[in-house]
Amino acid sequence: MSWTNFVFPAVRQPDRKVIAAVLAFAEDVEVKLHSVSFQFQSGAALEAQGETAQSCETLLKALPADDSDIMRSLTVQFLVRAQMVTVNISRDPQQAHDQVTVQLDNLQNLRMPQDLVTEVNRLIVHLKKRLHAVDTRAGVAALLGKETQQNLERRELELQRIEALGRSLAENLAKATSETRLQLEEEYRALRASVEAERQANAERARAQTEERERALDDRQKEARRSPRGH
């Protein structure tokens, strides 16, 4: 099992509030920001490092005083056990939400003892809270109807089983023999593949149901247009 990047959508906020949320996050988890770089929609960029990154004062001075929305991306770096973790907040004007990526590539050199897994999870929880992470699953389920919602709920239970298995693997990885570790990893991959296949099947079913409803509505509209006026 290895570290993977974590990605989630976040509520679109004015630039100054995004920076304030990052500073509040750093205070929550008691980490020192190594660097903060801000890229404007125009392509220009500003960066604060070391002590100046702790308050982002130089970045805030460069921004308009109002609730501006001129950010293309904000990249933050900080250390976790002497390894750099990067958080990138990117903004596409064509999208409703910002995208947040927590890059954990530099942690590949570290083992995954439970205390480190817990620490990284804590960082992500606080980051999602401060940046107002968006959970779109409930809205999608409501739009797709009761049957699809039940399928999504079953999938959620399966995902919880996968997460529980992943945590168990992380807890026992240090003391597991090579044979046991390989067996657990194979079970994890097989279970995840099964859940992904079910997710794709559910999505295809939902798409087919939607297309069927659209065809039925289109047929009714065509029939109405063919009916003689006055009847």
C-alpha atoms as a PDB file:
ATOM      1  CA  MET A   1       0.000   0.000   0.000  1.00  0.00           C
ATOM      2  CA  SER A   2       1.416   3.424  -0.928  1.00  0.00           C
ATOM      3  CA  TRP A   3       0.567   7.077  -0.483  1.00  0.00           C
ATOM      4  CA  THR A   4      -1.746   8.588  -3.085  1.00  0.00           C
ATOM      5  CA  ASN A   5      -2.805  12.174  -3.691  1.00  0.00           C
ATOM      6  CA  PHE A   6      -6.113  13.334  -2.205  1.00  0.00           C
ATOM      7  CA  VAL A   7      -8.450  15.496  -4.319  1.00  0.00           C
ATOM      8  CA  PHE A   8     -11.729  17.190  -3.397  1.00  0.00           C
ATOM      9  CA  PRO A   9     -13.933  20.089  -4.647  1.00  0.00           C
ATOM     10  CA  ALA A  10     -14.311  23.182  -2.463  1.00  0.00           C
ATOM     11  CA  VAL A  11     -16.766  26.065  -2.315  1.00  0.00           C
ATOM     12  CA  ARG A  12     -15.642  29.033  -4.435  1.00  0.00           C
ATOM     13  CA  GLN A  13     -14.512  31.840  -2.081  1.00  0.00           C
ATOM     14  CA  PRO A  14     -12.973  35.293  -2.630  1.00  0.00           C
ATOM     15  CA  ASP A  15      -9.188  35.253  -2.877  1.00  0.00           C
ATOM     16  CA  ARG A  16      -8.564  36.831   0.526  1.00  0.00           C
ATOM     17  CA  LYS A  17     -10.845  34.306   2.235  1.00  0.00           C
ATOM     18  CA  VAL A  18      -9.004  31.413   0.577  1.00  0.00           C
ATOM     19  CA  ILE A  19      -5.696  32.708   1.970  1.00  0.00           C
ATOM     20  CA  ALA A  20      -7.306  33.261   5.387  1.00  0.00           C
ATOM     21  CA  ALA A  21      -8.613  29.675   5.308  1.00  0.00           C
ATOM     22  CA  VAL A  22      -5.100  28.366   4.580  1.00  0.00           C
ATOM     23  CA  LEU A  23      -3.656  30.365   7.488  1.00  0.00           C
ATOM     24  CA  ALA A  24      -6.418  29.093   9.794  1.00  0.00           C
ATOM     25  CA  PHE A  25      -5.674  25.535   8.680  1.00  0.00           C
ATOM     26  CA  ALA A  26      -1.982  25.952   9.508  1.00  0.00           C
ATOM     27  CA  GLU A  27      -2.932  27.208  12.964  1.00  0.00           C
ATOM     28  CA  ASP A  28      -5.400  24.331  13.475  1.00  0.00           C
ATOM     29  CA  VAL A  29      -2.816  21.619  12.801  1.00  0.00           C
ATOM     30  CA  GLU A  30       0.167  23.575  14.161  1.00  0.00           C
ATOM     31  CA  VAL A  31       2.348  23.467  11.065  1.00  0.00           C
ATOM     32  CA  LYS A  32       4.639  26.171   9.729  1.00  0.00           C
ATOM     33  CA  LEU A  33       4.077  27.118   6.121  1.00  0.00           C
ATOM     34  CA  HIS A  34       7.255  26.679   4.087  1.00  0.00           C
ATOM     35  CA  SER A  35       6.018  28.595   1.048  1.00  0.00           C
ATOM     36  CA  VAL A  36       2.819  30.060  -0.399  1.00  0.00           C
ATOM     37  CA  SER A  37       2.570  30.985  -4.084  1.00  0.00           C
ATOM     38  CA  PHE A  38      -0.345  32.783  -5.706  1.00  0.00           C
ATOM     39  CA  GLN A  39      -0.965  32.747  -9.450  1.00  0.00           C
ATOM     40  CA  PHE A  40      -3.299  35.318 -11.005  1.00  0.00           C
ATOM     41  CA  GLN A  41      -5.697  34.597 -13.873  1.00  0.00           C
ATOM     42  CA  SER A  42      -3.448  36.846 -15.980  1.00  0.00           C
ATOM     43  CA  GLY A  43      -0.565  34.423 -15.501  1.00  0.00           C
ATOM     44  CA  ALA A  44       1.484  36.594 -13.134  1.00  0.00           C
ATOM     45  CA  ALA A  45       2.603  35.011  -9.860  1.00  0.00           C
ATOM     46  CA  LEU A  46       3.720  35.995  -6.354  1.00  0.00           C
ATOM     47  CA  GLU A  47       5.462  33.836  -3.759  1.00  0.00           C
ATOM     48  CA  ALA A  48       6.137  34.084  -0.038  1.00  0.00           C
ATOM     49  CA  GLN A  49       8.695  31.845   1.674  1.00  0.00           C
ATOM     50  CA  GLY A  50       9.931  31.222   5.177  1.00  0.00           C
ATOM     51  CA  GLU A  51       8.793  33.735   7.775  1.00  0.00           C
ATOM     52  CA  THR A  52       6.838  35.810   5.235  1.00  0.00           C
ATOM     53  CA  ALA A  53       4.760  32.735   4.392  1.00  0.00           C
ATOM     54  CA  GLN A  54       3.477  32.536   7.977  1.00  0.00           C
ATOM     55  CA  SER A  55       1.263  35.611   7.545  1.00  0.00           C
ATOM     56  CA  CYS A  56       1.034  35.850   3.707  1.00  0.00           C
ATOM     57  CA  GLU A  57       1.269  39.617   4.247  1.00  0.00           C
ATOM     58  CA  THR A  58       3.016  40.264   0.930  1.00  0.00           C
ATOM     59  CA  LEU A  59       0.337  38.321  -0.951  1.00  0.00           C
ATOM     60  CA  LEU A  60      -2.524  40.072   0.833  1.00  0.00           C
ATOM     61  CA  LYS A  61      -1.030  43.499   0.099  1.00  0.00           C
ATOM     62  CA  ALA A  62      -0.937  42.665  -3.600  1.00  0.00           C
ATOM     63  CA  LEU A  63      -4.641  41.753  -3.733  1.00  0.00           C
ATOM     64  CA  PRO A  64      -7.527  44.216  -4.084  1.00  0.00           C
ATOM     65  CA  ALA A  65      -9.219  45.134  -0.811  1.00  0.00           C
ATOM     66  CA  ASP A  66     -12.624  43.924  -2.023  1.00  0.00           C
ATOM     67  CA  ASP A  67     -13.879  40.366  -2.484  1.00  0.00           C
ATOM     68  CA  SER A  68     -11.841  39.822  -5.633  1.00  0.00           C
ATOM     69  CA  ASP A  69     -11.819  36.622  -7.642  1.00  0.00           C
ATOM     70  CA  ILE A  70      -8.632  36.881  -9.687  1.00  0.00           C
ATOM     71  CA  MET A  71      -6.898  33.703  -8.497  1.00  0.00           C
ATOM     72  CA  ARG A  72      -5.925  30.923 -10.860  1.00  0.00           C
ATOM     73  CA  SER A  73      -4.200  28.820  -8.211  1.00  0.00           C
ATOM     74  CA  LEU A  74      -2.759  28.899  -4.706  1.00  0.00           C
ATOM     75  CA  THR A  75       0.012  26.466  -3.798  1.00  0.00           C
ATOM     76  CA  VAL A  76       1.033  25.862  -0.187  1.00  0.00           C
ATOM     77  CA  GLN A  77       3.935  23.756   1.088  1.00  0.00           C
ATOM     78  CA  PHE A  78       4.651  22.584   4.630  1.00  0.00           C
ATOM     79  CA  LEU A  79       6.657  19.827   6.308  1.00  0.00           C
ATOM     80  CA  VAL A  80       5.326  16.597   7.761  1.00  0.00           C
ATOM     81  CA  ARG A  81       8.094  14.648   9.508  1.00  0.00           C
ATOM     82  CA  ALA A  82      10.740  16.465   7.463  1.00  0.00           C
ATOM     83  CA  GLN A  83       8.940  15.596   4.203  1.00  0.00           C
ATOM     84  CA  MET A  84       7.286  18.265   2.068  1.00  0.00           C
ATOM     85  CA  VAL A  85       3.515  18.120   1.556  1.00  0.00           C
ATOM     86  CA  THR A  86       2.018  20.337  -1.144  1.00  0.00           C
ATOM     87  CA  VAL A  87      -1.568  21.596  -1.282  1.00  0.00           C
ATOM     88  CA  ASN A  88      -2.755  23.101  -4.567  1.00  0.00           C
ATOM     89  CA  ILE A  89      -6.034  25.016  -4.878  1.00  0.00           C
ATOM     90  CA  SER A  90      -6.837  25.516  -8.559  1.00  0.00           C
ATOM     91  CA  ARG A  91      -9.669  27.588 -10.003  1.00  0.00           C
ATOM     92  CA  ASP A  92     -11.299  27.170 -13.400  1.00  0.00           C
ATOM     93  CA  PRO A  93     -13.719  30.030 -14.199  1.00  0.00           C
ATOM     94  CA  GLN A  94     -15.819  27.526 -16.168  1.00  0.00           C
ATOM     95  CA  GLN A  95     -16.310  25.281 -13.126  1.00  0.00           C
ATOM     96  CA  ALA A  96     -18.599  25.893 -10.139  1.00  0.00           C
ATOM     97  CA  HIS A  97     -16.063  24.805  -7.498  1.00  0.00           C
ATOM     98  CA  ASP A  98     -12.354  25.069  -6.825  1.00  0.00           C
ATOM     99  CA  GLN A  99     -10.335  21.845  -6.918  1.00  0.00           C
ATOM    100  CA  VAL A 100      -8.037  21.057  -4.016  1.00  0.00           C
ATOM    101  CA  THR A 101      -5.218  18.531  -4.388  1.00  0.00           C
ATOM    102  CA  VAL A 102      -3.156  17.323  -1.440  1.00  0.00           C
ATOM    103  CA  GLN A 103       0.040  15.959  -2.972  1.00  0.00           C
ATOM    104  CA  LEU A 104       1.537  13.220  -0.802  1.00  0.00           C
ATOM    105  CA  ASP A 105       4.215  12.095  -3.277  1.00  0.00           C
ATOM    106  CA  ASN A 106       7.074  13.078  -0.969  1.00  0.00           C
ATOM    107  CA  LEU A 107       5.762  10.739   1.719  1.00  0.00           C
ATOM    108  CA  GLN A 108       6.552   7.713  -0.443  1.00  0.00           C
ATOM    109  CA  ASN A 109       9.857   7.359   1.397  1.00  0.00           C
ATOM    110  CA  LEU A 110       8.049   6.966   4.716  1.00  0.00           C
ATOM    111  CA  ARG A 111       6.409   3.829   6.050  1.00  0.00           C
ATOM    112  CA  MET A 112       2.729   3.992   6.965  1.00  0.00           C
ATOM    113  CA  PRO A 113       2.508   3.401  10.726  1.00  0.00           C
ATOM    114  CA  GLN A 114      -0.880   4.133  12.227  1.00  0.00           C
ATOM    115  CA  ASP A 115       0.246   7.354  13.919  1.00  0.00           C
ATOM    116  CA  LEU A 116       1.419   8.846  10.605  1.00  0.00           C
ATOM    117  CA  VAL A 117      -1.771   7.765   8.818  1.00  0.00           C
ATOM    118  CA  THR A 118      -3.767   9.396  11.625  1.00  0.00           C
ATOM    119  CA  GLU A 119      -1.705  12.568  11.361  1.00  0.00           C
ATOM    120  CA  VAL A 120      -2.233  12.869   7.601  1.00  0.00           C
ATOM    121  CA  ASN A 121      -5.959  12.169   7.991  1.00  0.00           C
ATOM    122  CA  ARG A 122      -6.148  14.932  10.603  1.00  0.00           C
ATOM    123  CA  LEU A 123      -4.477  17.372   8.218  1.00  0.00           C
ATOM    124  CA  ILE A 124      -6.963  16.549   5.458  1.00  0.00           C
ATOM    125  CA  VAL A 125      -9.986  16.797   7.781  1.00  0.00           C
ATOM    126  CA  HIS A 126      -8.970  20.294   8.915  1.00  0.00           C
ATOM    127  CA  LEU A 127      -8.156  21.368   5.365  1.00  0.00           C
ATOM    128  CA  LYS A 128     -11.577  20.228   4.110  1.00  0.00           C
ATOM    129  CA  LYS A 129     -13.254  22.062   6.972  1.00  0.00           C
ATOM    130  CA  ARG A 130     -11.443  25.360   6.413  1.00  0.00           C
ATOM    131  CA  LEU A 131     -11.846  25.321   2.616  1.00  0.00           C
ATOM    132  CA  HIS A 132     -15.514  24.235   2.826  1.00  0.00           C
ATOM    133  CA  ALA A 133     -15.209  20.957   0.960  1.00  0.00           C
ATOM    134  CA  VAL A 134     -18.209  20.034  -1.170  1.00  0.00           C
ATOM    135  CA  ASP A 135     -19.873  16.626  -0.870  1.00  0.00           C
ATOM    136  CA  THR A 136     -21.865  16.209  -4.081  1.00  0.00           C
ATOM    137  CA  ARG A 137     -22.976  12.616  -3.480  1.00  0.00           C
ATOM    138  CA  ALA A 138     -26.291  13.441  -1.742  1.00  0.00           C
ATOM    139  CA  GLY A 139     -27.456  15.761  -4.527  1.00  0.00           C
ATOM    140  CA  VAL A 140     -26.586  13.258  -7.237  1.00  0.00           C
ATOM    141  CA  ALA A 141     -28.413  10.448  -5.441  1.00  0.00           C
ATOM    142  CA  ALA A 142     -31.568  12.552  -5.098  1.00  0.00           C
ATOM    143  CA  LEU A 143     -31.586  13.353  -8.808  1.00  0.00           C
ATOM    144  CA  LEU A 144     -31.166   9.746  -9.901  1.00  0.00           C
ATOM    145  CA  GLY A 145     -34.114   8.350  -7.932  1.00  0.00           C
ATOM    146  CA  LYS A 146     -34.678   5.866  -5.127  1.00  0.00           C
ATOM    147  CA  GLU A 147     -33.235   2.771  -6.836  1.00  0.00           C
ATOM    148  CA  THR A 148     -29.992   4.503  -7.779  1.00  0.00           C
ATOM    149  CA  GLN A 149     -29.765   6.077  -4.337  1.00  0.00           C
ATOM    150  CA  GLN A 150     -29.963   2.618  -2.774  1.00  0.00           C
ATOM    151  CA  ASN A 151     -27.208   1.452  -5.122  1.00  0.00           C
ATOM    152  CA  LEU A 152     -25.068   4.404  -4.060  1.00  0.00           C
ATOM    153  CA  GLU A 153     -25.692   3.611  -0.403  1.00  0.00           C
ATOM    154  CA  ARG A 154     -24.584   0.025  -0.975  1.00  0.00           C
ATOM    155  CA  ARG A 155     -21.508   1.318  -2.761  1.00  0.00           C
ATOM    156  CA  GLU A 156     -20.780   3.619   0.190  1.00  0.00           C
ATOM    157  CA  LEU A 157     -20.871   0.631   2.534  1.00  0.00           C
ATOM    158  CA  GLU A 158     -18.454  -1.196   0.263  1.00  0.00           C
ATOM    159  CA  LEU A 159     -16.148   1.821   0.241  1.00  0.00           C
ATOM    160  CA  GLN A 160     -16.249   1.898   4.022  1.00  0.00           C
ATOM    161  CA  ARG A 161     -15.216  -1.749   4.011  1.00  0.00           C
ATOM    162  CA  ILE A 162     -12.328  -0.863   1.691  1.00  0.00           C
ATOM    163  CA  GLU A 163     -11.244   1.997   3.959  1.00  0.00           C
ATOM    164  CA  ALA A 164     -11.427  -0.285   6.994  1.00  0.00           C
ATOM    165  CA  LEU A 165      -9.334  -2.880   5.178  1.00  0.00           C
ATOM    166  CA  GLY A 166      -6.844  -0.161   4.193  1.00  0.00           C
ATOM    167  CA  ARG A 167      -6.528   0.994   7.799  1.00  0.00           C
ATOM    168  CA  SER A 168      -6.051  -2.590   8.933  1.00  0.00           C
ATOM    169  CA  LEU A 169      -3.335  -3.077   6.341  1.00  0.00           C
ATOM    170  CA  ALA A 170      -1.576   0.110   7.470  1.00  0.00           C
ATOM    171  CA  GLU A 171      -1.707  -0.955  11.119  1.00  0.00           C
ATOM    172  CA  ASN A 172      -0.256  -4.408  10.453  1.00  0.00           C
ATOM    173  CA  LEU A 173       2.112  -3.639   7.586  1.00  0.00           C
ATOM    174  CA  ALA A 174       5.183  -3.221   9.800  1.00  0.00           C
ATOM    175  CA  LYS A 175       4.830  -6.636  11.476  1.00  0.00           C
ATOM    176  CA  ALA A 176       3.253  -8.631   8.649  1.00  0.00           C
ATOM    177  CA  THR A 177       5.317 -11.220   6.833  1.00  0.00           C
ATOM    178  CA  SER A 178       5.898 -10.780   3.124  1.00  0.00           C
ATOM    179  CA  GLU A 179       3.438 -13.555   2.269  1.00  0.00           C
ATOM    180  CA  THR A 180       0.666 -12.148   4.461  1.00  0.00           C
ATOM    181  CA  ARG A 181       1.205  -8.632   3.148  1.00  0.00           C
ATOM    182  CA  LEU A 182       0.941  -9.778  -0.467  1.00  0.00           C
ATOM    183  CA  GLN A 183      -2.259 -11.670   0.311  1.00  0.00           C
ATOM    184  CA  LEU A 184      -3.857  -8.635   1.994  1.00  0.00           C
ATOM    185  CA  GLU A 185      -2.867  -6.370  -0.870  1.00  0.00           C
ATOM    186  CA  GLU A 186      -4.389  -8.798  -3.386  1.00  0.00           C
ATOM    187  CA  GLU A 187      -7.646  -8.894  -1.406  1.00  0.00           C
ATOM    188  CA  TYR A 188      -7.660  -5.107  -1.271  1.00  0.00           C
ATOM    189  CA  ARG A 189      -7.174  -4.794  -5.047  1.00  0.00           C
ATOM    190  CA  ALA A 190      -9.837  -7.406  -5.775  1.00  0.00           C
ATOM    191  CA  LEU A 191     -12.374  -5.736  -3.476  1.00  0.00           C
ATOM    192  CA  ARG A 192     -11.695  -2.311  -4.926  1.00  0.00           C
ATOM    193  CA  ALA A 193     -12.018  -3.669  -8.485  1.00  0.00           C
ATOM    194  CA  SER A 194     -15.355  -5.238  -7.535  1.00  0.00           C
ATOM    195  CA  VAL A 195     -16.685  -1.981  -6.105  1.00  0.00           C
ATOM    196  CA  GLU A 196     -15.483  -0.020  -9.137  1.00  0.00           C
ATOM    197  CA  ALA A 197     -17.212  -2.475 -11.482  1.00  0.00           C
ATOM    198  CA  GLU A 198     -20.443  -2.103  -9.504  1.00  0.00           C
ATOM    199  CA  ARG A 199     -20.115   1.673  -9.569  1.00  0.00           C
ATOM    200  CA  GLN A 200     -19.717   1.665 -13.341  1.00  0.00           C
ATOM    201  CA  ALA A 201     -22.697  -0.662 -13.742  1.00  0.00           C
ATOM    202  CA  ASN A 202     -24.850   1.580 -11.534  1.00  0.00           C
ATOM    203  CA  ALA A 203     -23.793   4.648 -13.485  1.00  0.00           C
ATOM    204  CA  GLU A 204     -24.618   2.921 -16.782  1.00  0.00           C
ATOM    205  CA  ARG A 205     -28.031   1.873 -15.409  1.00  0.00           C
ATOM    206  CA  ALA A 206     -28.759   5.405 -14.291  1.00  0.00           C
ATOM    207  CA  ARG A 207     -27.722   6.776 -17.685  1.00  0.00           C
ATOM    208  CA  ALA A 208     -29.954   4.276 -19.494  1.00  0.00           C
ATOM    209  CA  GLN A 209     -32.910   5.193 -17.247  1.00  0.00           C
ATOM    210  CA  THR A 210     -32.382   8.875 -17.947  1.00  0.00           C
ATOM    211  CA  GLU A 211     -32.188   8.291 -21.707  1.00  0.00           C
ATOM    212  CA  GLU A 212     -35.362   6.186 -21.580  1.00  0.00           C
ATOM    213  CA  ARG A 213     -37.239   8.977 -19.773  1.00  0.00           C
ATOM    214  CA  GLU A 214     -36.001  11.507 -22.338  1.00  0.00           C
ATOM    215  CA  ARG A 215     -37.100   9.280 -25.233  1.00  0.00           C
ATOM    216  CA  ALA A 216     -40.531   8.791 -23.685  1.00  0.00           C
ATOM    217  CA  LEU A 217     -40.951  12.543 -23.208  1.00  0.00           C
ATOM    218  CA  ASP A 218     -39.805  13.195 -26.761  1.00  0.00           C
ATOM    219  CA  ASP A 219     -42.299  10.618 -28.104  1.00  0.00           C
ATOM    220  CA  ARG A 220     -45.144  12.258 -26.165  1.00  0.00           C
ATOM    221  CA  GLN A 221     -44.211  15.673 -27.537  1.00  0.00           C
ATOM    222  CA  LYS A 222     -44.100  14.340 -31.102  1.00  0.00           C
ATOM    223  CA  GLU A 223     -47.467  12.631 -30.636  1.00  0.00           C
ATOM    224  CA  ALA A 224     -48.971  15.869 -29.297  1.00  0.00           C
ATOM    225  CA  ARG A 225     -47.741  17.775 -32.342  1.00  0.00           C
ATOM    226  CA  ARG A 226     -49.254  15.150 -34.717  1.00  0.00           C
ATOM    227  CA  SER A 227     -52.697  15.233 -33.008  1.00  0.00           C
ATOM    228  CA  PRO A 228     -55.345  17.336 -34.863  1.00  0.00           C
ATOM    229  CA  ARG A 229     -55.931  20.774 -33.312  1.00  0.00           C
ATOM    230  CA  GLY A 230     -59.124  21.142 -31.326  1.00  0.00           C
ATOM    231  CA  HIS A 231     -59.307  17.520 -30.227  1.00  0.00           C
END
